[in-house]
């Protein structure tokens, strides 16, 4: 197997594995109720956090998970498309790869929230699709600057 084909396979396997992680996180297993049963005792033990303050932090921890998860997806999709659609000048970043990665992130976020709308323990929210897509966009901006500076 050639080095290019090997890199292509590695890039897509990483993206597909991350999509599986997102699918698992989208299940009833990781609903707000279930994650609070784990996180509340930990945060109460570590910080003496009461239920009311926990609800506030739990919301932001979960939204932070959205941002991190979809930023990683965007970067992995960028990497996969860079391996799939090489350019002549051997560039490390192009708008084409970034745009496809952002669109892919938005598509996955939309499917994720649509799927969650059918689960009684989850809610499908347009606001989460927007948050996830913005996380993908932010990851591409960060990637652009990292490539330019390093």
N, C-alpha and C. Protein backbone atom coordinates (compact mmCIF):
# COMPACT_ATOMS: atom_id res chain seq x y z
N UNK A 1 0.86 -1.18 0.00
CA UNK A 1 0.00 0.00 0.00
C UNK A 1 0.90 1.24 0.00
N UNK A 2 0.61 2.19 -0.87
CA UNK A 2 1.42 3.39 -0.97
C UNK A 2 1.21 4.28 0.25
N UNK A 3 2.15 5.18 0.48
CA UNK A 3 2.09 6.10 1.63
C UNK A 3 0.86 7.00 1.55
N UNK A 4 0.52 7.47 0.33
CA UNK A 4 -0.65 8.32 0.17
C UNK A 4 -1.93 7.59 0.52
N UNK A 5 -2.03 6.37 0.05
CA UNK A 5 -3.23 5.56 0.33
C UNK A 5 -3.32 5.24 1.82
N UNK A 6 -2.19 4.98 2.44
CA UNK A 6 -2.14 4.69 3.87
C UNK A 6 -2.58 5.92 4.68
N UNK A 7 -2.10 7.11 4.31
CA UNK A 7 -2.50 8.35 4.99
C UNK A 7 -3.99 8.63 4.79
N UNK A 8 -4.49 8.36 3.59
CA UNK A 8 -5.90 8.54 3.30
C UNK A 8 -6.75 7.64 4.20
N UNK A 9 -6.37 6.40 4.30
CA UNK A 9 -7.09 5.44 5.13
C UNK A 9 -7.05 5.85 6.60
N UNK A 10 -5.88 6.23 7.09
CA UNK A 10 -5.76 6.67 8.49
C UNK A 10 -6.63 7.88 8.77
N UNK A 11 -6.66 8.83 7.86
CA UNK A 11 -7.44 10.06 8.06
C UNK A 11 -8.93 9.75 8.14
N UNK A 12 -9.42 8.90 7.24
CA UNK A 12 -10.85 8.58 7.25
C UNK A 12 -11.24 7.68 8.41
N UNK A 13 -10.36 6.76 8.80
CA UNK A 13 -10.66 5.91 9.95
C UNK A 13 -10.80 6.76 11.21
N UNK A 14 -9.92 7.74 11.39
CA UNK A 14 -10.01 8.63 12.55
C UNK A 14 -11.33 9.39 12.55
N UNK A 15 -11.73 9.92 11.41
CA UNK A 15 -13.00 10.66 11.32
C UNK A 15 -14.19 9.74 11.58
N UNK A 16 -14.15 8.55 11.04
CA UNK A 16 -15.26 7.60 11.24
C UNK A 16 -15.35 7.16 12.70
N UNK A 17 -14.21 6.92 13.33
CA UNK A 17 -14.23 6.56 14.75
C UNK A 17 -14.81 7.69 15.59
N UNK A 18 -14.49 8.94 15.24
CA UNK A 18 -15.04 10.07 15.99
C UNK A 18 -16.55 10.19 15.75
N UNK A 19 -17.00 9.89 14.55
CA UNK A 19 -18.44 9.87 14.27
C UNK A 19 -19.14 8.82 15.13
N UNK A 20 -18.49 7.70 15.37
CA UNK A 20 -19.06 6.67 16.24
C UNK A 20 -19.15 7.19 17.68
N UNK A 21 -18.13 7.91 18.13
CA UNK A 21 -18.17 8.51 19.47
C UNK A 21 -19.35 9.47 19.57
N UNK A 22 -19.55 10.31 18.56
CA UNK A 22 -20.68 11.25 18.56
C UNK A 22 -22.00 10.49 18.58
N UNK A 23 -22.11 9.41 17.83
CA UNK A 23 -23.35 8.62 17.82
C UNK A 23 -23.63 8.03 19.19
N UNK A 24 -22.60 7.56 19.87
CA UNK A 24 -22.79 7.01 21.22
C UNK A 24 -23.21 8.12 22.19
N UNK A 25 -22.57 9.29 22.07
CA UNK A 25 -22.93 10.42 22.94
C UNK A 25 -24.35 10.90 22.67
N UNK A 26 -24.85 10.64 21.50
CA UNK A 26 -26.19 11.08 21.12
C UNK A 26 -27.28 10.15 21.64
N UNK A 27 -26.89 9.05 22.21
CA UNK A 27 -27.86 8.06 22.67
C UNK A 27 -28.46 8.45 24.02
N UNK A 28 -29.47 7.69 24.43
CA UNK A 28 -30.10 7.91 25.74
C UNK A 28 -29.11 7.64 26.87
N UNK A 29 -28.10 6.82 26.60
CA UNK A 29 -27.10 6.50 27.61
C UNK A 29 -26.44 7.75 28.19
N UNK A 30 -26.23 8.76 27.37
CA UNK A 30 -25.57 9.99 27.83
C UNK A 30 -26.53 11.17 27.86
N UNK A 31 -27.77 10.90 28.22
CA UNK A 31 -28.74 11.99 28.39
C UNK A 31 -28.34 12.84 29.59
N UNK A 32 -28.94 14.00 29.70
CA UNK A 32 -28.65 14.91 30.81
C UNK A 32 -28.90 14.24 32.16
N UNK A 33 -29.97 13.49 32.22
CA UNK A 33 -30.30 12.80 33.48
C UNK A 33 -29.19 11.82 33.87
N UNK A 34 -28.71 11.05 32.90
CA UNK A 34 -27.67 10.06 33.19
C UNK A 34 -26.33 10.70 33.51
N UNK A 35 -25.96 11.75 32.79
CA UNK A 35 -24.67 12.37 33.10
C UNK A 35 -24.72 13.09 34.45
N UNK A 36 -25.88 13.60 34.83
CA UNK A 36 -25.97 14.28 36.12
C UNK A 36 -25.84 13.28 37.27
N UNK A 37 -26.28 12.05 37.07
CA UNK A 37 -26.13 11.03 38.12
C UNK A 37 -24.67 10.70 38.38
N UNK A 38 -23.83 10.91 37.40
CA UNK A 38 -22.39 10.66 37.56
C UNK A 38 -21.68 11.93 38.03
N UNK A 39 -21.96 13.04 37.35
CA UNK A 39 -21.23 14.27 37.63
C UNK A 39 -21.58 14.92 38.97
N UNK A 40 -22.85 14.87 39.36
CA UNK A 40 -23.23 15.55 40.60
C UNK A 40 -22.48 15.00 41.82
N UNK A 41 -22.45 13.68 42.03
CA UNK A 41 -21.70 13.20 43.20
C UNK A 41 -20.22 13.58 43.16
N UNK A 42 -19.64 13.56 41.97
CA UNK A 42 -18.21 13.92 41.84
C UNK A 42 -18.01 15.39 42.20
N UNK A 43 -18.80 16.28 41.60
CA UNK A 43 -18.64 17.70 41.87
C UNK A 43 -19.05 18.07 43.29
N UNK A 44 -20.02 17.37 43.82
CA UNK A 44 -20.41 17.61 45.22
C UNK A 44 -19.28 17.20 46.15
N UNK A 45 -18.67 16.05 45.89
CA UNK A 45 -17.56 15.57 46.71
C UNK A 45 -16.34 16.49 46.62
N UNK A 46 -15.99 16.88 45.37
CA UNK A 46 -14.78 17.69 45.17
C UNK A 46 -14.94 19.14 45.62
N UNK A 47 -16.10 19.72 45.34
CA UNK A 47 -16.28 21.16 45.56
C UNK A 47 -17.42 21.51 46.50
N UNK A 48 -18.09 20.51 47.06
CA UNK A 48 -19.22 20.77 47.93
C UNK A 48 -20.37 21.46 47.21
N UNK A 49 -20.52 21.18 45.94
CA UNK A 49 -21.51 21.85 45.10
C UNK A 49 -22.92 21.38 45.43
N UNK A 50 -23.84 22.33 45.62
CA UNK A 50 -25.24 21.96 45.88
C UNK A 50 -25.95 21.72 44.54
N UNK A 51 -27.17 21.17 44.61
CA UNK A 51 -27.93 20.80 43.41
C UNK A 51 -28.20 21.99 42.49
N UNK A 52 -28.57 23.12 43.07
CA UNK A 52 -28.91 24.29 42.26
C UNK A 52 -27.70 24.77 41.47
N UNK A 53 -26.57 24.89 42.12
CA UNK A 53 -25.36 25.33 41.41
C UNK A 53 -24.91 24.26 40.42
N UNK A 54 -25.11 23.00 40.76
CA UNK A 54 -24.75 21.93 39.84
C UNK A 54 -25.52 22.02 38.54
N UNK A 55 -26.81 22.31 38.60
CA UNK A 55 -27.62 22.41 37.39
C UNK A 55 -27.05 23.46 36.44
N UNK A 56 -26.61 24.57 36.98
CA UNK A 56 -25.98 25.63 36.18
C UNK A 56 -24.71 25.09 35.51
N UNK A 57 -23.83 24.49 36.30
CA UNK A 57 -22.57 23.99 35.77
C UNK A 57 -22.77 22.80 34.83
N UNK A 58 -23.75 21.98 35.13
CA UNK A 58 -24.01 20.82 34.29
C UNK A 58 -24.37 21.25 32.86
N UNK A 59 -25.18 22.29 32.75
CA UNK A 59 -25.54 22.83 31.44
C UNK A 59 -24.28 23.24 30.66
N UNK A 60 -23.39 23.99 31.31
CA UNK A 60 -22.19 24.47 30.62
C UNK A 60 -21.18 23.35 30.35
N UNK A 61 -21.13 22.37 31.21
CA UNK A 61 -20.25 21.22 30.94
C UNK A 61 -20.74 20.49 29.70
N UNK A 62 -22.04 20.28 29.59
CA UNK A 62 -22.61 19.58 28.43
C UNK A 62 -22.42 20.39 27.15
N UNK A 63 -22.62 21.70 27.21
CA UNK A 63 -22.43 22.53 26.02
C UNK A 63 -20.94 22.60 25.65
N UNK A 64 -20.08 22.59 26.66
CA UNK A 64 -18.64 22.53 26.40
C UNK A 64 -18.28 21.24 25.69
N UNK A 65 -18.96 20.15 26.05
CA UNK A 65 -18.76 18.88 25.36
C UNK A 65 -19.15 18.97 23.89
N UNK A 66 -20.24 19.69 23.61
CA UNK A 66 -20.63 19.92 22.22
C UNK A 66 -19.51 20.64 21.47
N UNK A 67 -19.01 21.70 22.06
CA UNK A 67 -17.98 22.51 21.39
C UNK A 67 -16.73 21.69 21.13
N UNK A 68 -16.24 21.00 22.13
CA UNK A 68 -15.02 20.21 21.97
C UNK A 68 -15.25 19.07 20.97
N UNK A 69 -16.35 18.36 21.11
CA UNK A 69 -16.62 17.22 20.24
C UNK A 69 -16.73 17.60 18.77
N UNK A 70 -17.44 18.68 18.49
CA UNK A 70 -17.64 19.08 17.09
C UNK A 70 -16.43 19.83 16.53
N UNK A 71 -15.65 20.47 17.38
CA UNK A 71 -14.39 21.06 16.91
C UNK A 71 -13.44 19.95 16.48
N UNK A 72 -13.37 18.89 17.27
CA UNK A 72 -12.53 17.74 16.90
C UNK A 72 -13.03 17.11 15.60
N UNK A 73 -14.35 16.96 15.47
CA UNK A 73 -14.90 16.41 14.23
C UNK A 73 -14.49 17.26 13.03
N UNK A 74 -14.60 18.57 13.16
CA UNK A 74 -14.25 19.47 12.07
C UNK A 74 -12.78 19.30 11.66
N UNK A 75 -11.91 19.18 12.64
CA UNK A 75 -10.48 19.00 12.35
C UNK A 75 -10.23 17.66 11.69
N UNK A 76 -10.88 16.61 12.18
CA UNK A 76 -10.70 15.30 11.57
C UNK A 76 -11.27 15.23 10.16
N UNK A 77 -12.40 15.90 9.93
CA UNK A 77 -12.93 15.95 8.56
C UNK A 77 -12.00 16.75 7.64
N UNK A 78 -11.45 17.85 8.15
CA UNK A 78 -10.48 18.62 7.38
C UNK A 78 -9.32 17.73 6.97
N UNK A 79 -8.78 16.99 7.93
CA UNK A 79 -7.65 16.10 7.67
C UNK A 79 -8.01 15.04 6.63
N UNK A 80 -9.21 14.48 6.74
CA UNK A 80 -9.64 13.45 5.80
C UNK A 80 -9.80 14.02 4.39
N UNK A 81 -10.40 15.19 4.28
CA UNK A 81 -10.58 15.79 2.95
C UNK A 81 -9.25 16.28 2.38
N UNK A 82 -8.33 16.72 3.24
CA UNK A 82 -7.00 17.10 2.75
C UNK A 82 -6.30 15.89 2.14
N UNK A 83 -6.46 14.73 2.75
CA UNK A 83 -5.85 13.51 2.21
C UNK A 83 -6.56 13.04 0.94
N UNK A 84 -7.86 13.32 0.85
CA UNK A 84 -8.66 12.86 -0.28
C UNK A 84 -8.52 13.76 -1.50
N UNK A 85 -8.45 15.07 -1.27
CA UNK A 85 -8.42 16.05 -2.35
C UNK A 85 -7.12 16.86 -2.31
N UNK A 86 -6.00 16.23 -2.65
CA UNK A 86 -4.72 16.97 -2.58
C UNK A 86 -4.67 18.09 -3.62
N UNK A 87 -3.84 19.08 -3.34
CA UNK A 87 -3.65 20.21 -4.26
C UNK A 87 -2.25 20.17 -4.84
N UNK A 88 -2.08 20.82 -5.97
CA UNK A 88 -0.81 20.79 -6.69
C UNK A 88 0.31 21.47 -5.90
N UNK A 89 0.02 22.59 -5.26
CA UNK A 89 1.08 23.36 -4.61
C UNK A 89 1.44 22.84 -3.22
N UNK A 90 0.92 21.66 -2.83
CA UNK A 90 1.22 21.04 -1.54
C UNK A 90 0.88 21.94 -0.35
N UNK A 91 -0.23 22.66 -0.47
CA UNK A 91 -0.68 23.54 0.61
C UNK A 91 -1.10 22.71 1.81
N UNK A 92 -1.00 23.29 2.99
CA UNK A 92 -1.40 22.61 4.22
C UNK A 92 -2.83 22.98 4.63
N UNK A 93 -3.38 24.05 4.05
CA UNK A 93 -4.73 24.52 4.39
C UNK A 93 -5.32 25.17 3.15
N UNK A 94 -6.58 24.83 2.84
CA UNK A 94 -7.29 25.52 1.76
C UNK A 94 -8.73 25.77 2.21
N UNK A 95 -9.36 26.79 1.61
CA UNK A 95 -10.76 27.06 1.90
C UNK A 95 -11.64 25.88 1.52
N UNK A 96 -11.25 25.20 0.47
CA UNK A 96 -12.04 24.06 0.00
C UNK A 96 -12.15 23.00 1.10
N UNK A 97 -11.01 22.59 1.67
CA UNK A 97 -11.02 21.58 2.72
C UNK A 97 -11.77 22.08 3.95
N UNK A 98 -11.54 23.34 4.31
CA UNK A 98 -12.19 23.91 5.49
C UNK A 98 -13.71 23.99 5.29
N UNK A 99 -14.12 24.43 4.12
CA UNK A 99 -15.57 24.54 3.85
C UNK A 99 -16.25 23.18 3.89
N UNK A 100 -15.62 22.18 3.29
CA UNK A 100 -16.21 20.83 3.30
C UNK A 100 -16.28 20.31 4.73
N UNK A 101 -15.25 20.58 5.53
CA UNK A 101 -15.23 20.13 6.92
C UNK A 101 -16.34 20.82 7.73
N UNK A 102 -16.54 22.11 7.51
CA UNK A 102 -17.59 22.84 8.22
C UNK A 102 -18.97 22.34 7.80
N UNK A 103 -19.16 22.15 6.51
CA UNK A 103 -20.43 21.61 6.01
C UNK A 103 -20.69 20.21 6.56
N UNK A 104 -19.67 19.39 6.61
CA UNK A 104 -19.80 18.05 7.17
C UNK A 104 -20.15 18.09 8.64
N UNK A 105 -19.53 19.01 9.36
CA UNK A 105 -19.83 19.19 10.78
C UNK A 105 -21.27 19.61 10.98
N UNK A 106 -21.73 20.56 10.18
CA UNK A 106 -23.12 21.01 10.27
C UNK A 106 -24.09 19.88 9.92
N UNK A 107 -23.75 19.08 8.93
CA UNK A 107 -24.60 17.95 8.54
C UNK A 107 -24.71 16.93 9.66
N UNK A 108 -23.58 16.56 10.25
CA UNK A 108 -23.58 15.59 11.35
C UNK A 108 -24.33 16.16 12.55
N UNK A 109 -24.13 17.43 12.86
CA UNK A 109 -24.84 18.06 13.98
C UNK A 109 -26.35 18.03 13.73
N UNK A 110 -26.76 18.29 12.51
CA UNK A 110 -28.18 18.26 12.17
C UNK A 110 -28.75 16.85 12.33
N UNK A 111 -28.04 15.86 11.82
CA UNK A 111 -28.50 14.48 11.96
C UNK A 111 -28.54 14.06 13.43
N UNK A 112 -27.56 14.49 14.20
CA UNK A 112 -27.48 14.18 15.62
C UNK A 112 -28.69 14.73 16.36
N UNK A 113 -29.00 15.99 16.13
CA UNK A 113 -30.14 16.60 16.83
C UNK A 113 -31.47 16.04 16.33
N UNK A 114 -31.54 15.71 15.04
CA UNK A 114 -32.76 15.08 14.51
C UNK A 114 -32.97 13.73 15.18
N UNK A 115 -31.89 12.95 15.28
CA UNK A 115 -31.96 11.66 15.96
C UNK A 115 -32.41 11.82 17.41
N UNK A 116 -31.85 12.81 18.10
CA UNK A 116 -32.20 13.02 19.51
C UNK A 116 -33.67 13.43 19.68
N UNK A 117 -34.26 14.04 18.67
CA UNK A 117 -35.66 14.46 18.78
C UNK A 117 -36.62 13.27 18.88
N UNK A 118 -36.14 12.07 18.53
CA UNK A 118 -36.96 10.87 18.63
C UNK A 118 -36.77 10.11 19.94
N UNK A 119 -35.81 10.55 20.76
CA UNK A 119 -35.54 9.87 22.02
C UNK A 119 -36.24 10.60 23.16
N UNK A 120 -37.03 9.89 23.97
CA UNK A 120 -37.76 10.57 25.06
C UNK A 120 -36.85 11.26 26.07
N UNK A 121 -35.64 10.75 26.26
CA UNK A 121 -34.74 11.33 27.25
C UNK A 121 -33.83 12.43 26.69
N UNK A 122 -33.98 12.73 25.40
CA UNK A 122 -33.13 13.73 24.75
C UNK A 122 -34.01 14.77 24.07
N UNK A 123 -33.41 15.88 23.71
CA UNK A 123 -34.12 16.91 22.94
C UNK A 123 -33.28 17.28 21.73
N UNK A 124 -33.90 17.40 20.60
CA UNK A 124 -33.22 17.88 19.40
C UNK A 124 -33.42 19.39 19.32
N UNK A 125 -32.32 20.12 19.33
CA UNK A 125 -32.42 21.59 19.37
C UNK A 125 -31.63 22.23 18.22
N UNK A 126 -32.27 23.16 17.56
CA UNK A 126 -31.60 23.91 16.49
C UNK A 126 -30.42 24.69 17.07
N UNK A 127 -30.58 25.18 18.30
CA UNK A 127 -29.50 25.93 18.94
C UNK A 127 -28.23 25.09 19.08
N UNK A 128 -28.40 23.80 19.31
CA UNK A 128 -27.23 22.93 19.41
C UNK A 128 -26.57 22.73 18.04
N UNK A 129 -27.36 22.67 16.99
CA UNK A 129 -26.79 22.57 15.64
C UNK A 129 -25.96 23.82 15.36
N UNK A 130 -26.48 24.98 15.72
CA UNK A 130 -25.75 26.23 15.53
C UNK A 130 -24.47 26.24 16.35
N UNK A 131 -24.56 25.82 17.62
CA UNK A 131 -23.38 25.77 18.49
C UNK A 131 -22.34 24.83 17.90
N UNK A 132 -22.76 23.65 17.46
CA UNK A 132 -21.83 22.66 16.91
C UNK A 132 -21.17 23.16 15.63
N UNK A 133 -21.95 23.81 14.78
CA UNK A 133 -21.41 24.35 13.53
C UNK A 133 -20.43 25.48 13.82
N UNK A 134 -20.75 26.33 14.78
CA UNK A 134 -19.82 27.40 15.17
C UNK A 134 -18.53 26.81 15.74
N UNK A 135 -18.64 25.70 16.47
CA UNK A 135 -17.44 25.03 16.99
C UNK A 135 -16.58 24.53 15.83
N UNK A 136 -17.23 23.99 14.80
CA UNK A 136 -16.50 23.55 13.61
C UNK A 136 -15.83 24.70 12.90
N UNK A 137 -16.55 25.82 12.78
CA UNK A 137 -15.98 27.02 12.16
C UNK A 137 -14.80 27.54 12.98
N UNK A 138 -14.98 27.61 14.29
CA UNK A 138 -13.90 28.06 15.16
C UNK A 138 -12.67 27.18 15.05
N UNK A 139 -12.87 25.88 14.95
CA UNK A 139 -11.75 24.95 14.79
C UNK A 139 -11.01 25.22 13.49
N UNK A 140 -11.75 25.53 12.42
CA UNK A 140 -11.10 25.81 11.13
C UNK A 140 -10.31 27.12 11.17
N UNK A 141 -10.85 28.11 11.87
CA UNK A 141 -10.12 29.39 12.01
C UNK A 141 -8.85 29.15 12.80
N UNK A 142 -8.96 28.40 13.89
CA UNK A 142 -7.78 28.08 14.70
C UNK A 142 -6.77 27.28 13.89
N UNK A 143 -7.24 26.32 13.12
CA UNK A 143 -6.37 25.52 12.26
C UNK A 143 -5.66 26.38 11.23
N UNK A 144 -6.39 27.34 10.65
CA UNK A 144 -5.80 28.25 9.67
C UNK A 144 -4.62 29.00 10.29
N UNK A 145 -4.84 29.57 11.47
CA UNK A 145 -3.78 30.34 12.11
C UNK A 145 -2.62 29.45 12.56
N UNK A 146 -2.91 28.26 13.01
CA UNK A 146 -1.83 27.33 13.40
C UNK A 146 -0.98 26.97 12.20
N UNK A 147 -1.60 26.70 11.06
CA UNK A 147 -0.86 26.36 9.85
C UNK A 147 -0.01 27.54 9.38
N UNK A 148 -0.56 28.75 9.45
CA UNK A 148 0.17 29.95 9.01
C UNK A 148 1.34 30.29 9.92
N UNK A 149 1.16 30.10 11.24
CA UNK A 149 2.21 30.47 12.18
C UNK A 149 3.29 29.41 12.35
N UNK A 150 2.92 28.15 12.16
CA UNK A 150 3.91 27.09 12.38
C UNK A 150 4.25 26.48 11.05
